[in-house]
All heavy atoms as atom14 arrays in JSON, in Angstrom:
{
  "sequence": "SIEGYEEENDFRRGAGTFQKCTAAMKRLKDRGVPFGASLCY",
  "atom14_mask": [
    [1, 1, 1, 1, 1, 1, 0, 0, 0, 0, 0, 0, 0, 0],
    [1, 1, 1, 1, 1, 1, 1, 1, 0, 0, 0, 0, 0, 0],
    [1, 1, 1, 1, 1, 1, 1, 1, 1, 0, 0, 0, 0, 0],
    [1, 1, 1, 1, 0, 0, 0, 0, 0, 0, 0, 0, 0, 0],
    [1, 1, 1, 1, 1, 1, 1, 1, 1, 1, 1, 1, 0, 0],
    [1, 1, 1, 1, 1, 1, 1, 1, 1, 0, 0, 0, 0, 0],
    [1, 1, 1, 1, 1, 1, 1, 1, 1, 0, 0, 0, 0, 0],
    [1, 1, 1, 1, 1, 1, 1, 1, 1, 0, 0, 0, 0, 0],
    [1, 1, 1, 1, 1, 1, 1, 1, 0, 0, 0, 0, 0, 0],
    [1, 1, 1, 1, 1, 1, 1, 1, 0, 0, 0, 0, 0, 0],
    [1, 1, 1, 1, 1, 1, 1, 1, 1, 1, 1, 0, 0, 0],
    [1, 1, 1, 1, 1, 1, 1, 1, 1, 1, 1, 0, 0, 0],
    [1, 1, 1, 1, 1, 1, 1, 1, 1, 1, 1, 0, 0, 0],
    [1, 1, 1, 1, 0, 0, 0, 0, 0, 0, 0, 0, 0, 0],
    [1, 1, 1, 1, 1, 0, 0, 0, 0, 0, 0, 0, 0, 0],
    [1, 1, 1, 1, 0, 0, 0, 0, 0, 0, 0, 0, 0, 0],
    [1, 1, 1, 1, 1, 1, 1, 0, 0, 0, 0, 0, 0, 0],
    [1, 1, 1, 1, 1, 1, 1, 1, 1, 1, 1, 0, 0, 0],
    [1, 1, 1, 1, 1, 1, 1, 1, 1, 0, 0, 0, 0, 0],
    [1, 1, 1, 1, 1, 1, 1, 1, 1, 0, 0, 0, 0, 0],
    [1, 1, 1, 1, 1, 1, 0, 0, 0, 0, 0, 0, 0, 0],
    [1, 1, 1, 1, 1, 1, 1, 0, 0, 0, 0, 0, 0, 0],
    [1, 1, 1, 1, 1, 0, 0, 0, 0, 0, 0, 0, 0, 0],
    [1, 1, 1, 1, 1, 0, 0, 0, 0, 0, 0, 0, 0, 0],
    [1, 1, 1, 1, 1, 1, 1, 1, 0, 0, 0, 0, 0, 0],
    [1, 1, 1, 1, 1, 1, 1, 1, 1, 0, 0, 0, 0, 0],
    [1, 1, 1, 1, 1, 1, 1, 1, 1, 1, 1, 0, 0, 0],
    [1, 1, 1, 1, 1, 1, 1, 1, 0, 0, 0, 0, 0, 0],
    [1, 1, 1, 1, 1, 1, 1, 1, 1, 0, 0, 0, 0, 0],
    [1, 1, 1, 1, 1, 1, 1, 1, 0, 0, 0, 0, 0, 0],
    [1, 1, 1, 1, 1, 1, 1, 1, 1, 1, 1, 0, 0, 0],
    [1, 1, 1, 1, 0, 0, 0, 0, 0, 0, 0, 0, 0, 0],
    [1, 1, 1, 1, 1, 1, 1, 0, 0, 0, 0, 0, 0, 0],
    [1, 1, 1, 1, 1, 1, 1, 0, 0, 0, 0, 0, 0, 0],
    [1, 1, 1, 1, 1, 1, 1, 1, 1, 1, 1, 0, 0, 0],
    [1, 1, 1, 1, 0, 0, 0, 0, 0, 0, 0, 0, 0, 0],
    [1, 1, 1, 1, 1, 0, 0, 0, 0, 0, 0, 0, 0, 0],
    [1, 1, 1, 1, 1, 1, 0, 0, 0, 0, 0, 0, 0, 0],
    [1, 1, 1, 1, 1, 1, 1, 1, 0, 0, 0, 0, 0, 0],
    [1, 1, 1, 1, 1, 1, 0, 0, 0, 0, 0, 0, 0, 0],
    [1, 1, 1, 1, 1, 1, 1, 1, 1, 1, 1, 1, 0, 0]
  ],
  "atom14_positions": [
    [[113.2, 98.99, 101.17], [113.04, 100.34, 100.9], [114.2, 100.78, 99.98], [115.3, 100.83, 100.5], [112.8, 101.26, 101.99], [111.67, 100.83, 102.75], [0.0, 0.0, 0.0], [0.0, 0.0, 0.0], [0.0, 0.0, 0.0], [0.0, 0.0, 0.0], [0.0, 0.0, 0.0], [0.0, 0.0, 0.0], [0.0, 0.0, 0.0], [0.0, 0.0, 0.0]],
    [[113.89, 101.08, 98.69], [114.95, 101.41, 97.76], [114.41, 102.39, 96.72], [113.23, 102.4, 96.42], [115.58, 100.09, 97.11], [116.81, 100.31, 96.43], [114.5, 99.4, 96.27], [117.58, 99.02, 96.16], [0.0, 0.0, 0.0], [0.0, 0.0, 0.0], [0.0, 0.0, 0.0], [0.0, 0.0, 0.0], [0.0, 0.0, 0.0], [0.0, 0.0, 0.0]],
    [[115.18, 103.41, 96.42], [114.79, 104.37, 95.44], [114.89, 104.09, 94.03], [114.53, 104.82, 93.18], [115.58, 105.66, 95.74], [114.95, 106.59, 96.81], [114.77, 105.94, 98.2], [115.69, 105.57, 98.72], [113.51, 105.98, 98.53], [0.0, 0.0, 0.0], [0.0, 0.0, 0.0], [0.0, 0.0, 0.0], [0.0, 0.0, 0.0], [0.0, 0.0, 0.0]],
    [[115.49, 102.97, 93.68], [115.71, 102.61, 92.28], [117.16, 102.2, 92.08], [117.54, 101.27, 92.72], [0.0, 0.0, 0.0], [0.0, 0.0, 0.0], [0.0, 0.0, 0.0], [0.0, 0.0, 0.0], [0.0, 0.0, 0.0], [0.0, 0.0, 0.0], [0.0, 0.0, 0.0], [0.0, 0.0, 0.0], [0.0, 0.0, 0.0], [0.0, 0.0, 0.0]],
    [[117.89, 102.87, 91.2], [119.22, 102.38, 90.98], [120.26, 103.13, 92.02], [119.83, 103.96, 92.81], [119.68, 102.8, 89.51], [118.85, 102.02, 88.54], [117.92, 102.63, 87.8], [119.11, 100.62, 88.35], [117.21, 101.92, 86.84], [118.37, 99.89, 87.46], [117.36, 100.59, 86.72], [116.68, 99.77, 85.81], [0.0, 0.0, 0.0], [0.0, 0.0, 0.0]],
    [[121.41, 102.63, 91.97], [122.5, 103.07, 92.9], [122.63, 104.57, 93.08], [122.61, 104.98, 94.25], [123.82, 102.44, 92.5], [124.9, 102.53, 93.62], [126.1, 101.73, 93.3], [126.13, 101.07, 92.21], [126.88, 101.56, 94.3], [0.0, 0.0, 0.0], [0.0, 0.0, 0.0], [0.0, 0.0, 0.0], [0.0, 0.0, 0.0], [0.0, 0.0, 0.0]],
    [[122.68, 105.28, 92.07], [122.86, 106.79, 92.24], [121.72, 107.52, 93.03], [122.02, 108.2, 93.96], [123.07, 107.46, 90.9], [123.29, 108.83, 90.96], [123.44, 109.53, 89.56], [123.47, 108.79, 88.54], [123.43, 110.8, 89.46], [0.0, 0.0, 0.0], [0.0, 0.0, 0.0], [0.0, 0.0, 0.0], [0.0, 0.0, 0.0], [0.0, 0.0, 0.0]],
    [[120.51, 107.06, 92.69], [119.28, 107.71, 93.3], [119.24, 107.18, 94.81], [118.98, 107.96, 95.72], [118.11, 107.37, 92.58], [117.93, 107.96, 91.21], [118.71, 107.21, 90.19], [119.23, 105.98, 90.37], [118.87, 107.82, 89.0], [0.0, 0.0, 0.0], [0.0, 0.0, 0.0], [0.0, 0.0, 0.0], [0.0, 0.0, 0.0], [0.0, 0.0, 0.0]],
    [[119.43, 105.89, 95.0], [119.41, 105.37, 96.31], [120.4, 105.94, 97.26], [120.11, 106.39, 98.28], [119.52, 103.8, 96.2], [119.11, 103.17, 97.55], [117.94, 103.07, 97.89], [120.1, 102.79, 98.27], [0.0, 0.0, 0.0], [0.0, 0.0, 0.0], [0.0, 0.0, 0.0], [0.0, 0.0, 0.0], [0.0, 0.0, 0.0], [0.0, 0.0, 0.0]],
    [[121.75, 105.95, 96.85], [122.69, 106.39, 97.74], [122.7, 107.86, 97.88], [123.09, 108.37, 98.9], [124.14, 106.0, 97.16], [124.41, 104.59, 97.21], [123.44, 103.77, 97.8], [125.44, 104.06, 96.86], [0.0, 0.0, 0.0], [0.0, 0.0, 0.0], [0.0, 0.0, 0.0], [0.0, 0.0, 0.0], [0.0, 0.0, 0.0], [0.0, 0.0, 0.0]],
    [[122.16, 108.63, 96.88], [121.89, 110.07, 97.14], [121.1, 110.34, 98.34], [121.34, 111.13, 99.17], [121.33, 110.65, 95.93], [120.86, 112.19, 96.12], [121.82, 113.18, 96.11], [119.54, 112.58, 96.37], [121.56, 114.5, 96.3], [119.21, 113.87, 96.61], [120.21, 114.91, 96.58], [0.0, 0.0, 0.0], [0.0, 0.0, 0.0], [0.0, 0.0, 0.0]],
    [[120.0, 109.55, 98.49], [119.09, 109.73, 99.59], [119.49, 108.95, 100.85], [119.36, 109.56, 101.96], [117.68, 109.22, 99.22], [116.7, 109.42, 100.44], [115.15, 109.24, 99.91], [114.37, 109.58, 101.13], [113.66, 108.73, 101.74], [113.63, 107.49, 101.32], [113.04, 109.05, 102.74], [0.0, 0.0, 0.0], [0.0, 0.0, 0.0], [0.0, 0.0, 0.0]],
    [[120.02, 107.76, 100.74], [120.18, 106.89, 101.94], [121.72, 106.94, 102.33], [121.91, 106.53, 103.5], [119.77, 105.47, 101.61], [118.21, 105.52, 101.41], [117.7, 104.09, 101.18], [116.3, 104.18, 101.02], [115.43, 104.18, 101.86], [115.71, 104.07, 103.2], [114.13, 104.28, 101.6], [0.0, 0.0, 0.0], [0.0, 0.0, 0.0], [0.0, 0.0, 0.0]],
    [[122.55, 107.4, 101.57], [124.08, 107.32, 101.95], [124.8, 106.45, 101.03], [124.31, 105.33, 100.57], [0.0, 0.0, 0.0], [0.0, 0.0, 0.0], [0.0, 0.0, 0.0], [0.0, 0.0, 0.0], [0.0, 0.0, 0.0], [0.0, 0.0, 0.0], [0.0, 0.0, 0.0], [0.0, 0.0, 0.0], [0.0, 0.0, 0.0], [0.0, 0.0, 0.0]],
    [[126.14, 106.78, 100.84], [127.09, 105.96, 100.0], [127.04, 104.55, 100.46], [127.28, 104.25, 101.63], [128.28, 106.6, 99.98], [0.0, 0.0, 0.0], [0.0, 0.0, 0.0], [0.0, 0.0, 0.0], [0.0, 0.0, 0.0], [0.0, 0.0, 0.0], [0.0, 0.0, 0.0], [0.0, 0.0, 0.0], [0.0, 0.0, 0.0], [0.0, 0.0, 0.0]],
    [[126.92, 103.66, 99.52], [127.07, 102.19, 99.82], [125.75, 101.46, 100.18], [125.84, 100.23, 100.28], [0.0, 0.0, 0.0], [0.0, 0.0, 0.0], [0.0, 0.0, 0.0], [0.0, 0.0, 0.0], [0.0, 0.0, 0.0], [0.0, 0.0, 0.0], [0.0, 0.0, 0.0], [0.0, 0.0, 0.0], [0.0, 0.0, 0.0], [0.0, 0.0, 0.0]],
    [[124.66, 102.28, 100.42], [123.49, 101.52, 100.91], [122.84, 100.7, 99.78], [122.27, 99.61, 100.06], [122.47, 102.55, 101.42], [122.16, 103.48, 100.49], [123.03, 103.2, 102.77], [0.0, 0.0, 0.0], [0.0, 0.0, 0.0], [0.0, 0.0, 0.0], [0.0, 0.0, 0.0], [0.0, 0.0, 0.0], [0.0, 0.0, 0.0], [0.0, 0.0, 0.0]],
    [[122.98, 101.05, 98.51], [122.42, 100.35, 97.43], [123.02, 98.93, 97.38], [122.42, 97.94, 97.32], [122.57, 101.05, 96.13], [122.02, 100.32, 94.99], [120.63, 100.42, 94.55], [122.88, 99.47, 94.11], [120.17, 99.71, 93.54], [122.44, 98.8, 93.07], [120.95, 98.88, 92.76], [0.0, 0.0, 0.0], [0.0, 0.0, 0.0], [0.0, 0.0, 0.0]],
    [[124.47, 98.92, 97.45], [125.11, 97.66, 97.38], [124.75, 96.82, 98.59], [124.58, 95.48, 98.48], [126.6, 97.86, 97.35], [127.09, 98.49, 96.16], [126.77, 97.57, 94.86], [126.9, 96.3, 94.92], [126.48, 98.17, 93.81], [0.0, 0.0, 0.0], [0.0, 0.0, 0.0], [0.0, 0.0, 0.0], [0.0, 0.0, 0.0], [0.0, 0.0, 0.0]],
    [[124.63, 97.35, 99.8], [124.26, 96.57, 101.05], [122.82, 96.05, 100.76], [122.51, 94.86, 101.22], [124.4, 97.4, 102.26], [125.8, 97.78, 102.71], [125.89, 98.67, 103.94], [127.23, 98.99, 104.29], [127.32, 99.94, 105.36], [0.0, 0.0, 0.0], [0.0, 0.0, 0.0], [0.0, 0.0, 0.0], [0.0, 0.0, 0.0], [0.0, 0.0, 0.0]],
    [[122.02, 96.86, 100.25], [120.57, 96.34, 100.11], [120.47, 95.24, 99.14], [119.79, 94.26, 99.36], [119.72, 97.57, 99.8], [117.99, 97.21, 99.58], [0.0, 0.0, 0.0], [0.0, 0.0, 0.0], [0.0, 0.0, 0.0], [0.0, 0.0, 0.0], [0.0, 0.0, 0.0], [0.0, 0.0, 0.0], [0.0, 0.0, 0.0], [0.0, 0.0, 0.0]],
    [[121.11, 95.4, 98.0], [121.03, 94.34, 96.94], [121.71, 93.06, 97.38], [121.36, 92.1, 97.07], [121.55, 94.9, 95.65], [122.82, 95.42, 95.74], [120.53, 95.95, 95.01], [0.0, 0.0, 0.0], [0.0, 0.0, 0.0], [0.0, 0.0, 0.0], [0.0, 0.0, 0.0], [0.0, 0.0, 0.0], [0.0, 0.0, 0.0], [0.0, 0.0, 0.0]],
    [[122.78, 93.28, 98.24], [123.5, 92.05, 98.8], [122.53, 91.31, 99.64], [122.48, 90.08, 99.72], [124.75, 92.5, 99.45], [0.0, 0.0, 0.0], [0.0, 0.0, 0.0], [0.0, 0.0, 0.0], [0.0, 0.0, 0.0], [0.0, 0.0, 0.0], [0.0, 0.0, 0.0], [0.0, 0.0, 0.0], [0.0, 0.0, 0.0], [0.0, 0.0, 0.0]],
    [[121.83, 92.02, 100.47], [120.76, 91.46, 101.35], [119.68, 90.65, 100.53], [119.34, 89.62, 100.93], [120.15, 92.44, 102.36], [0.0, 0.0, 0.0], [0.0, 0.0, 0.0], [0.0, 0.0, 0.0], [0.0, 0.0, 0.0], [0.0, 0.0, 0.0], [0.0, 0.0, 0.0], [0.0, 0.0, 0.0], [0.0, 0.0, 0.0], [0.0, 0.0, 0.0]],
    [[119.25, 91.23, 99.47], [118.27, 90.64, 98.54], [118.89, 89.33, 98.06], [118.18, 88.31, 98.0], [117.93, 91.59, 97.41], [117.12, 92.73, 97.78], [116.96, 93.83, 96.29], [115.9, 95.08, 96.95], [0.0, 0.0, 0.0], [0.0, 0.0, 0.0], [0.0, 0.0, 0.0], [0.0, 0.0, 0.0], [0.0, 0.0, 0.0], [0.0, 0.0, 0.0]],
    [[120.14, 89.37, 97.66], [120.77, 88.14, 97.06], [120.91, 87.09, 98.19], [120.6, 85.88, 97.93], [122.11, 88.45, 96.52], [122.87, 87.27, 95.93], [124.08, 87.57, 95.21], [124.86, 86.36, 94.57], [124.36, 85.12, 94.78], [0.0, 0.0, 0.0], [0.0, 0.0, 0.0], [0.0, 0.0, 0.0], [0.0, 0.0, 0.0], [0.0, 0.0, 0.0]],
    [[121.27, 87.52, 99.47], [121.3, 86.47, 100.55], [119.97, 85.79, 100.7], [120.01, 84.58, 100.88], [121.69, 87.17, 101.77], [123.07, 87.57, 101.91], [123.32, 88.27, 103.29], [124.71, 88.69, 103.33], [125.09, 90.04, 103.14], [124.1, 90.85, 102.9], [126.4, 90.31, 103.17], [0.0, 0.0, 0.0], [0.0, 0.0, 0.0], [0.0, 0.0, 0.0]],
    [[118.98, 86.51, 100.61], [117.57, 85.87, 100.81], [117.25, 85.08, 99.65], [116.7, 83.93, 99.81], [116.56, 86.98, 101.07], [116.68, 87.71, 102.42], [115.7, 88.75, 102.52], [116.66, 86.88, 103.59], [0.0, 0.0, 0.0], [0.0, 0.0, 0.0], [0.0, 0.0, 0.0], [0.0, 0.0, 0.0], [0.0, 0.0, 0.0], [0.0, 0.0, 0.0]],
    [[117.48, 85.58, 98.46], [117.2, 84.76, 97.34], [117.85, 83.46, 97.3], [117.38, 82.41, 96.97], [117.52, 85.55, 95.92], [117.13, 84.89, 94.64], [117.39, 85.76, 93.56], [117.26, 85.11, 92.15], [116.11, 84.42, 91.87], [0.0, 0.0, 0.0], [0.0, 0.0, 0.0], [0.0, 0.0, 0.0], [0.0, 0.0, 0.0], [0.0, 0.0, 0.0]],
    [[119.19, 83.54, 97.66], [120.02, 82.25, 97.62], [119.45, 81.26, 98.72], [119.75, 80.07, 98.57], [121.49, 82.65, 98.01], [122.15, 83.31, 96.88], [121.58, 83.38, 95.74], [123.33, 83.91, 97.05], [0.0, 0.0, 0.0], [0.0, 0.0, 0.0], [0.0, 0.0, 0.0], [0.0, 0.0, 0.0], [0.0, 0.0, 0.0], [0.0, 0.0, 0.0]],
    [[118.79, 81.74, 99.67], [118.22, 80.85, 100.73], [116.71, 80.52, 100.52], [116.13, 79.78, 101.26], [118.37, 81.61, 102.09], [119.75, 81.56, 102.54], [119.97, 82.64, 103.69], [121.34, 82.52, 104.22], [122.35, 83.1, 103.65], [122.25, 83.8, 102.51], [123.59, 83.01, 104.3], [0.0, 0.0, 0.0], [0.0, 0.0, 0.0], [0.0, 0.0, 0.0]],
    [[116.25, 81.01, 99.35], [114.78, 80.65, 98.97], [113.85, 81.37, 99.92], [112.72, 80.89, 100.13], [0.0, 0.0, 0.0], [0.0, 0.0, 0.0], [0.0, 0.0, 0.0], [0.0, 0.0, 0.0], [0.0, 0.0, 0.0], [0.0, 0.0, 0.0], [0.0, 0.0, 0.0], [0.0, 0.0, 0.0], [0.0, 0.0, 0.0], [0.0, 0.0, 0.0]],
    [[114.15, 82.58, 100.29], [113.22, 83.43, 101.21], [112.61, 84.45, 100.29], [113.4, 85.33, 99.69], [114.01, 84.05, 102.25], [113.08, 84.95, 103.07], [114.56, 83.01, 103.22], [0.0, 0.0, 0.0], [0.0, 0.0, 0.0], [0.0, 0.0, 0.0], [0.0, 0.0, 0.0], [0.0, 0.0, 0.0], [0.0, 0.0, 0.0], [0.0, 0.0, 0.0]],
    [[111.31, 84.57, 100.21], [110.67, 85.61, 99.36], [110.77, 86.98, 100.07], [110.88, 87.03, 101.26], [109.28, 85.28, 99.24], [109.07, 84.32, 100.41], [110.31, 83.71, 100.74], [0.0, 0.0, 0.0], [0.0, 0.0, 0.0], [0.0, 0.0, 0.0], [0.0, 0.0, 0.0], [0.0, 0.0, 0.0], [0.0, 0.0, 0.0], [0.0, 0.0, 0.0]],
    [[110.95, 88.04, 99.33], [110.92, 89.41, 99.75], [110.38, 90.28, 98.77], [110.07, 89.94, 97.62], [112.4, 89.79, 100.03], [113.28, 89.77, 98.85], [113.4, 90.84, 98.05], [114.04, 88.65, 98.49], [114.16, 90.77, 96.92], [114.8, 88.58, 97.48], [114.93, 89.62, 96.61], [0.0, 0.0, 0.0], [0.0, 0.0, 0.0], [0.0, 0.0, 0.0]],
    [[110.07, 91.58, 99.2], [109.46, 92.51, 98.35], [110.26, 93.74, 98.31], [111.4, 93.85, 98.84], [0.0, 0.0, 0.0], [0.0, 0.0, 0.0], [0.0, 0.0, 0.0], [0.0, 0.0, 0.0], [0.0, 0.0, 0.0], [0.0, 0.0, 0.0], [0.0, 0.0, 0.0], [0.0, 0.0, 0.0], [0.0, 0.0, 0.0], [0.0, 0.0, 0.0]],
    [[109.88, 94.76, 97.7], [110.47, 96.06, 97.59], [109.42, 97.17, 97.77], [108.2, 97.0, 97.42], [111.17, 96.23, 96.25], [0.0, 0.0, 0.0], [0.0, 0.0, 0.0], [0.0, 0.0, 0.0], [0.0, 0.0, 0.0], [0.0, 0.0, 0.0], [0.0, 0.0, 0.0], [0.0, 0.0, 0.0], [0.0, 0.0, 0.0], [0.0, 0.0, 0.0]],
    [[109.86, 98.27, 98.39], [109.15, 99.39, 98.62], [109.85, 100.53, 97.92], [110.81, 101.04, 98.49], [108.97, 99.63, 100.14], [108.24, 100.96, 100.33], [0.0, 0.0, 0.0], [0.0, 0.0, 0.0], [0.0, 0.0, 0.0], [0.0, 0.0, 0.0], [0.0, 0.0, 0.0], [0.0, 0.0, 0.0], [0.0, 0.0, 0.0], [0.0, 0.0, 0.0]],
    [[109.28, 100.96, 96.8], [109.9, 101.99, 95.99], [109.28, 103.36, 96.22], [108.22, 103.51, 96.21], [109.84, 101.62, 94.47], [110.38, 100.23, 94.13], [110.08, 99.89, 92.7], [111.8, 100.09, 94.42], [0.0, 0.0, 0.0], [0.0, 0.0, 0.0], [0.0, 0.0, 0.0], [0.0, 0.0, 0.0], [0.0, 0.0, 0.0], [0.0, 0.0, 0.0]],
    [[110.2, 104.39, 96.37], [109.74, 105.78, 96.51], [109.98, 106.42, 95.21], [111.07, 106.34, 94.68], [110.49, 106.46, 97.65], [110.22, 105.74, 99.24], [0.0, 0.0, 0.0], [0.0, 0.0, 0.0], [0.0, 0.0, 0.0], [0.0, 0.0, 0.0], [0.0, 0.0, 0.0], [0.0, 0.0, 0.0], [0.0, 0.0, 0.0], [0.0, 0.0, 0.0]],
    [[108.95, 107.14, 94.82], [108.99, 107.97, 93.58], [109.57, 109.34, 93.96], [109.25, 109.97, 94.94], [107.68, 108.14, 92.99], [107.64, 109.18, 91.78], [108.27, 108.75, 90.54], [107.05, 110.41, 91.97], [108.15, 109.67, 89.59], [107.09, 111.27, 90.88], [107.61, 110.87, 89.64], [107.61, 111.75, 88.59], [0.0, 0.0, 0.0], [0.0, 0.0, 0.0]]
  ]
}
């Protein structure tokens, strides 16, 4: 669940959450694990 870019995401979810979320995406991608995204408008 991500709102888009860092500014929008962290505004709603809290400072640093965008970086933590995208780091988790990278961890999964590096391990060959598929994932999706749930974007809120």
